[in-house]
Amino acid sequence: MVKGKKSIVKFVIDCTQPVDDKVLDVAQFEKYLHDRLKIGGKTGQLATSGVVLSRDRTKLTVASPAELGFSKRQLKYLSKRYLKKQQLKNYMRVVAASKNSYEMRYYAISGGDGDDEE
């Protein structure tokens, strides 16, 4: 019998804007996710279930076996919790950039210049 190659699903969290502005530390964010990601309802199961969490300079990548059914929504939830913990929730949001990626963006704040037309 020949076994097929196992399919892997990758999810990316792009933190380019806050990292460039030195607002967010990717290493701390990675550790936060590593400690709190749940597999089968339990934390601390990443290595045993084959989930790999890796970090670029500004991006975090979570690679999971497809049959595990890892939830992209869990990443958004934990990202929002991290922003709230760092007191950045009022300034940043987590937006789905594509099917398998999220992006951290600043809220668009209008300047409110007093340009009243008469």
Protein backbone atom coordinates (compact mmCIF):
# COMPACT_ATOMS: atom_id res chain seq x y z
CA MET A 1 0.00 0.00 0.00
CA VAL A 2 1.19 3.49 -0.85
CA LYS A 3 0.28 6.24 1.56
CA GLY A 4 -0.55 9.66 0.12
CA LYS A 5 1.13 12.82 1.22
CA LYS A 6 -0.63 14.43 4.16
CA SER A 7 -2.21 17.76 3.29
CA ILE A 8 -1.32 20.74 5.43
CA VAL A 9 -3.41 23.86 5.94
CA LYS A 10 -1.50 27.10 6.58
CA PHE A 11 -2.90 30.20 8.25
CA VAL A 12 -0.99 33.50 8.28
CA ILE A 13 -1.32 36.49 10.59
CA ASP A 14 0.31 39.54 9.01
CA CYS A 15 1.51 42.07 11.62
CA THR A 16 3.53 44.29 9.26
CA GLN A 17 2.03 47.69 10.13
CA PRO A 18 2.27 47.46 13.96
CA VAL A 19 5.74 45.85 13.86
CA ASP A 20 7.10 48.57 11.57
CA ASP A 21 5.74 51.18 13.99
CA LYS A 22 7.29 49.26 16.93
CA VAL A 23 3.87 48.90 18.59
CA LEU A 24 3.72 45.09 18.58
CA ASP A 25 6.39 42.50 19.39
CA VAL A 26 5.97 39.41 17.19
CA ALA A 27 7.99 37.19 19.54
CA GLN A 28 5.64 37.92 22.47
CA PHE A 29 2.61 37.43 20.24
CA GLU A 30 3.97 34.07 19.07
CA LYS A 31 4.51 32.93 22.67
CA TYR A 32 0.98 34.07 23.57
CA LEU A 33 -0.50 32.00 20.72
CA HIS A 34 1.71 29.02 21.50
CA ASP A 35 0.52 28.97 25.11
CA ARG A 36 -3.17 29.44 24.32
CA LEU A 37 -3.97 27.58 21.07
CA LYS A 38 -6.34 24.72 21.74
CA ILE A 39 -6.28 21.39 19.95
CA GLY A 40 -9.16 19.10 20.83
CA GLY A 41 -10.22 21.39 23.67
CA LYS A 42 -6.82 21.33 25.40
CA THR A 43 -3.96 23.80 25.42
CA GLY A 44 -0.37 22.59 25.11
CA GLN A 45 -1.18 19.98 22.44
CA LEU A 46 0.58 21.66 19.49
CA ALA A 47 3.61 19.38 19.18
CA THR A 48 1.75 16.12 19.73
CA SER A 49 -0.90 16.93 17.10
CA GLY A 50 1.55 18.15 14.44
CA VAL A 51 0.64 21.86 14.52
CA VAL A 52 3.64 24.09 13.79
CA LEU A 53 3.75 27.76 14.78
CA SER A 54 6.52 29.70 13.03
CA ARG A 55 7.47 33.36 12.81
CA ASP A 56 8.92 35.58 10.14
CA ARG A 57 10.02 39.14 10.89
CA THR A 58 6.45 40.41 10.64
CA LYS A 59 4.28 37.33 10.02
CA LEU A 60 3.14 34.36 12.08
CA THR A 61 2.31 31.12 10.29
CA VAL A 62 0.31 28.26 11.76
CA ALA A 63 0.61 25.00 9.81
CA SER A 64 -1.85 22.27 10.71
CA PRO A 65 -2.72 18.85 9.26
CA ALA A 66 -5.97 19.17 7.28
CA GLU A 67 -7.65 16.24 9.02
CA LEU A 68 -7.25 18.00 12.38
CA GLY A 69 -9.78 20.65 11.38
CA PHE A 70 -7.90 23.57 12.94
CA SER A 71 -10.06 26.69 13.17
CA LYS A 72 -8.99 29.96 11.55
CA ARG A 73 -11.56 31.69 13.75
CA GLN A 74 -9.61 30.67 16.87
CA LEU A 75 -6.64 32.67 15.58
CA LYS A 76 -8.77 35.79 15.19
CA TYR A 77 -10.22 35.34 18.67
CA LEU A 78 -6.80 34.95 20.28
CA SER A 79 -5.38 37.87 18.26
CA LYS A 80 -8.15 40.12 19.51
CA ARG A 81 -7.59 38.95 23.09
CA TYR A 82 -3.87 39.70 22.75
CA LEU A 83 -4.59 43.21 21.44
CA LYS A 84 -6.93 43.83 24.37
CA LYS A 85 -4.33 42.57 26.84
CA GLN A 86 -1.71 44.92 25.32
CA GLN A 87 -4.27 47.79 25.41
CA LEU A 88 -4.15 48.13 21.61
CA LYS A 89 -7.72 47.01 20.90
CA ASN A 90 -8.96 50.61 20.56
CA TYR A 91 -6.41 51.33 17.83
CA MET A 92 -6.09 48.08 15.87
CA ARG A 93 -8.31 45.39 14.41
CA VAL A 94 -7.88 41.94 12.90
CA VAL A 95 -9.17 41.71 9.31
CA ALA A 96 -9.38 38.70 7.01
CA ALA A 97 -7.02 39.51 4.14
CA SER A 98 -7.66 36.29 2.21
CA LYS A 99 -9.12 32.82 2.72
CA ASN A 100 -6.21 31.66 4.90
CA SER A 101 -4.81 34.87 6.32
CA TYR A 102 -5.53 37.66 8.75
CA GLU A 103 -3.99 41.11 8.83
CA MET A 104 -3.66 43.57 11.70
CA ARG A 105 -4.69 47.05 10.64
CA TYR A 106 -5.15 50.40 12.31
CA TYR A 107 -8.63 51.86 12.48
CA ALA A 108 -9.14 54.60 9.88
CA ILE A 109 -9.59 57.71 11.96
CA SER A 110 -10.87 60.79 10.19
CA GLY A 111 -9.08 63.99 11.11
CA GLY A 112 -12.25 66.01 11.61
CA ASP A 113 -10.75 69.16 10.04
CA GLY A 114 -13.25 71.99 10.36
CA ASP A 115 -13.92 72.28 6.60
CA ASP A 116 -17.56 73.31 6.81
CA GLU A 117 -19.02 74.37 3.48
CA GLU A 118 -21.29 77.42 3.69
